[in-house]
Amino acid sequence: MSGIITDNIGRSSGLVKAGGGGGKVLQVVSVTLQTAFSTTATSWTEVTGLTVAITPSATSSKILVMLAASGSSSGDFGFMGIYRDSTNLVDARGNRERGLSNLYYGGWSGNTRAVTANLLDSPSTTSEVVYKAMANATSGGTVWINAKNSDPNLSEGSGITPFSTITVMEIEG
């Protein structure tokens, strides 16, 4: 016995080579929204500018979706969610009965809130998939993303520009 460890293609490196098995990041796509968005819709509405498309390289790939946003509402609640194409993957509704998963529970009214979500999706396709941040308001209210109750500077005059981002990573399956 020589004491040298070889990998699966016969090279003598003297090191143990880790086997495959997935988990590698194959691609990353990200978009950042730096302008204010608002909606009075009580049904899910796409947050314009917080949409990203990715084409998985294999049907076994997983997609890690990460959303980081800030917002406020003039009503009792402001809701955010993530869709893959037309499928609601997770929503951040304040109303527990209607939410698939509550990322934040409580009123946004008058306060800016951070909404974050990280989820691992299995789209099982090699066709392009689109991930989008969605929002809706309670009846009679308005939801603002990157703004505080219609203040596009969010910081009430300090000139700080808020931003929200959605990032997707293809993970080898």
Protein backbone atom coordinates (compact mmCIF):
# COMPACT_ATOMS: atom_id res chain seq x y z
CA MET A 1 0.00 0.00 0.00
CA SER A 2 1.48 3.34 -1.08
CA GLY A 3 -0.46 5.70 1.20
CA ILE A 4 -1.61 7.95 -1.68
CA ILE A 5 -5.33 8.45 -2.09
CA THR A 6 -6.62 8.75 -5.64
CA ASP A 7 -9.87 10.25 -6.87
CA ASN A 8 -12.33 8.63 -9.24
CA ILE A 9 -10.41 9.54 -12.40
CA GLY A 10 -7.12 8.12 -11.25
CA ARG A 11 -5.11 11.26 -10.47
CA SER A 12 -2.79 10.97 -7.48
CA SER A 13 -3.32 14.15 -5.56
CA GLY A 14 -2.77 12.93 -2.05
CA LEU A 15 -6.15 14.43 -1.02
CA VAL A 16 -9.55 12.89 -0.55
CA LYS A 17 -11.92 14.30 -3.13
CA ALA A 18 -15.49 14.93 -2.08
CA GLY A 19 -18.10 13.12 -4.11
CA GLY A 20 -20.84 14.87 -6.08
CA GLY A 21 -24.36 14.99 -4.81
CA GLY A 22 -25.72 18.38 -5.63
CA GLY A 23 -25.95 21.50 -3.58
CA LYS A 24 -23.80 23.59 -5.91
CA VAL A 25 -25.00 27.04 -6.92
CA LEU A 26 -25.38 26.96 -10.71
CA GLN A 27 -26.68 30.47 -11.38
CA VAL A 28 -27.84 33.58 -9.55
CA VAL A 29 -30.28 36.21 -10.82
CA SER A 30 -31.23 39.29 -8.81
CA VAL A 31 -33.17 42.50 -9.27
CA THR A 32 -33.41 45.56 -7.03
CA LEU A 33 -36.31 48.02 -6.91
CA GLN A 34 -35.29 51.53 -5.86
CA THR A 35 -38.52 53.38 -6.58
CA ALA A 36 -41.77 53.52 -4.65
CA PHE A 37 -44.66 51.22 -5.59
CA SER A 38 -48.22 51.41 -4.33
CA THR A 39 -51.48 49.55 -4.79
CA THR A 40 -55.02 49.76 -3.45
CA ALA A 41 -55.91 46.35 -4.91
CA THR A 42 -57.38 43.82 -2.51
CA SER A 43 -56.31 40.98 -4.80
CA TRP A 44 -52.71 39.96 -5.43
CA THR A 45 -50.95 42.54 -7.61
CA GLU A 46 -47.44 42.26 -9.03
CA VAL A 47 -44.95 44.69 -7.47
CA THR A 48 -43.65 46.29 -10.66
CA GLY A 49 -39.87 45.94 -10.79
CA LEU A 50 -39.59 43.04 -8.30
CA THR A 51 -39.76 40.24 -10.86
CA VAL A 52 -36.95 37.91 -11.88
CA ALA A 53 -36.78 35.07 -14.45
CA ILE A 54 -34.52 32.02 -14.36
CA THR A 55 -34.22 28.94 -16.58
CA PRO A 56 -33.21 25.86 -14.56
CA SER A 57 -30.60 23.65 -16.21
CA ALA A 58 -32.20 20.40 -14.94
CA THR A 59 -35.62 19.30 -13.72
CA SER A 60 -33.99 18.16 -10.46
CA SER A 61 -32.69 21.67 -9.69
CA LYS A 62 -34.05 23.60 -6.72
CA ILE A 63 -34.52 27.36 -6.78
CA LEU A 64 -33.69 29.32 -3.63
CA VAL A 65 -35.86 32.46 -3.62
CA MET A 66 -34.94 35.34 -1.32
CA LEU A 67 -37.09 38.45 -0.89
CA ALA A 68 -36.18 41.48 1.19
CA ALA A 69 -38.61 44.40 1.07
CA SER A 70 -39.84 47.33 3.11
CA GLY A 71 -43.29 48.82 3.09
CA SER A 72 -46.18 50.43 4.87
CA SER A 73 -49.95 50.67 4.66
CA SER A 74 -52.68 53.19 5.26
CA GLY A 75 -55.04 50.36 6.18
CA ASP A 76 -54.86 47.78 8.92
CA PHE A 77 -52.60 45.43 7.00
CA GLY A 78 -50.31 45.33 4.03
CA PHE A 79 -49.71 41.94 2.49
CA MET A 80 -46.79 40.59 0.46
CA GLY A 81 -46.27 37.25 -1.20
CA ILE A 82 -44.11 35.41 -3.71
CA TYR A 83 -45.46 33.82 -6.86
CA ARG A 84 -43.81 31.40 -9.28
CA ASP A 85 -45.59 32.27 -12.52
CA SER A 86 -49.25 32.09 -11.33
CA THR A 87 -48.64 29.88 -8.27
CA ASN A 88 -48.64 31.48 -4.81
CA LEU A 89 -45.60 30.01 -3.06
CA VAL A 90 -45.83 31.89 0.23
CA ASP A 91 -47.64 34.96 1.41
CA ALA A 92 -47.04 37.38 4.22
CA ARG A 93 -50.65 38.17 4.94
CA GLY A 94 -51.50 39.61 8.30
CA ASN A 95 -54.75 37.62 8.16
CA ARG A 96 -53.78 34.20 9.50
CA GLU A 97 -56.84 32.48 8.08
CA ARG A 98 -55.97 33.37 4.49
CA GLY A 99 -52.20 33.05 4.70
CA LEU A 100 -50.23 30.03 3.56
CA SER A 101 -47.33 31.17 5.72
CA ASN A 102 -47.18 34.32 7.81
CA LEU A 103 -43.89 36.12 7.44
CA TYR A 104 -45.20 39.06 9.38
CA TYR A 105 -48.32 39.43 11.49
CA GLY A 106 -49.53 42.84 12.52
CA GLY A 107 -50.66 46.18 11.16
CA TRP A 108 -48.40 48.17 8.89
CA SER A 109 -50.47 51.30 9.32
CA GLY A 110 -48.22 54.30 9.86
CA ASN A 111 -45.11 52.20 10.27
CA THR A 112 -42.54 50.88 7.85
CA ARG A 113 -42.06 47.13 8.13
CA ALA A 114 -39.44 44.80 6.77
CA VAL A 115 -40.63 41.69 4.97
CA THR A 116 -38.14 38.92 4.33
CA ALA A 117 -38.67 35.47 2.91
CA ASN A 118 -36.36 32.64 1.95
CA LEU A 119 -37.83 29.54 0.37
CA LEU A 120 -36.57 26.57 -1.60
CA ASP A 121 -38.76 25.83 -4.60
CA SER A 122 -38.83 22.74 -6.84
CA PRO A 123 -40.22 23.90 -10.18
CA SER A 124 -39.33 20.55 -11.89
CA THR A 125 -38.78 22.14 -15.30
CA THR A 126 -36.07 23.31 -17.66
CA SER A 127 -38.35 26.05 -19.03
CA GLU A 128 -38.08 29.63 -17.84
CA VAL A 129 -39.84 30.35 -14.56
CA VAL A 130 -40.70 33.80 -13.28
CA TYR A 131 -40.64 34.70 -9.59
CA LYS A 132 -42.41 37.87 -8.56
CA ALA A 133 -43.16 39.80 -5.42
CA MET A 134 -46.86 40.43 -5.00
CA ALA A 135 -48.81 42.78 -2.72
CA ASN A 136 -52.37 43.62 -1.74
CA ALA A 137 -54.22 45.82 0.73
CA THR A 138 -57.24 45.59 2.96
CA SER A 139 -60.40 47.25 1.67
CA GLY A 140 -60.02 51.02 1.57
CA GLY A 141 -56.28 50.93 2.25
CA THR A 142 -53.11 51.44 0.25
CA VAL A 143 -49.90 49.42 0.40
CA TRP A 144 -46.59 51.13 -0.34
CA ILE A 145 -43.35 49.31 -1.08
CA ASN A 146 -40.14 51.33 -0.58
CA ALA A 147 -42.20 54.13 0.95
CA LYS A 148 -43.83 55.14 4.20
CA ASN A 149 -47.46 56.10 3.74
CA SER A 150 -46.78 57.73 0.36
CA ASP A 151 -43.43 59.26 1.42
CA PRO A 152 -41.19 58.10 -1.45
CA ASN A 153 -38.07 58.88 0.60
CA LEU A 154 -39.27 56.56 3.37
CA SER A 155 -37.18 58.47 5.87
CA GLU A 156 -39.39 61.58 5.90
CA GLY A 157 -36.99 64.03 4.34
CA SER A 158 -33.55 62.59 5.03
CA GLY A 159 -33.07 61.78 1.33
CA ILE A 160 -32.25 58.11 1.96
CA THR A 161 -33.41 55.99 -0.97
CA PRO A 162 -35.01 52.72 0.16
CA PHE A 163 -34.75 49.55 -1.88
CA SER A 164 -36.19 46.07 -2.07
CA THR A 165 -34.68 43.06 -3.77
CA ILE A 166 -35.58 39.59 -5.01
CA THR A 167 -32.81 37.08 -5.70
CA VAL A 168 -33.07 33.56 -7.06
CA MET A 169 -30.34 30.89 -7.09
CA GLU A 170 -30.41 27.63 -8.97
CA ILE A 171 -29.15 24.86 -6.69
CA GLU A 172 -28.01 21.58 -8.24
CA GLY A 173 -30.39 18.79 -7.28
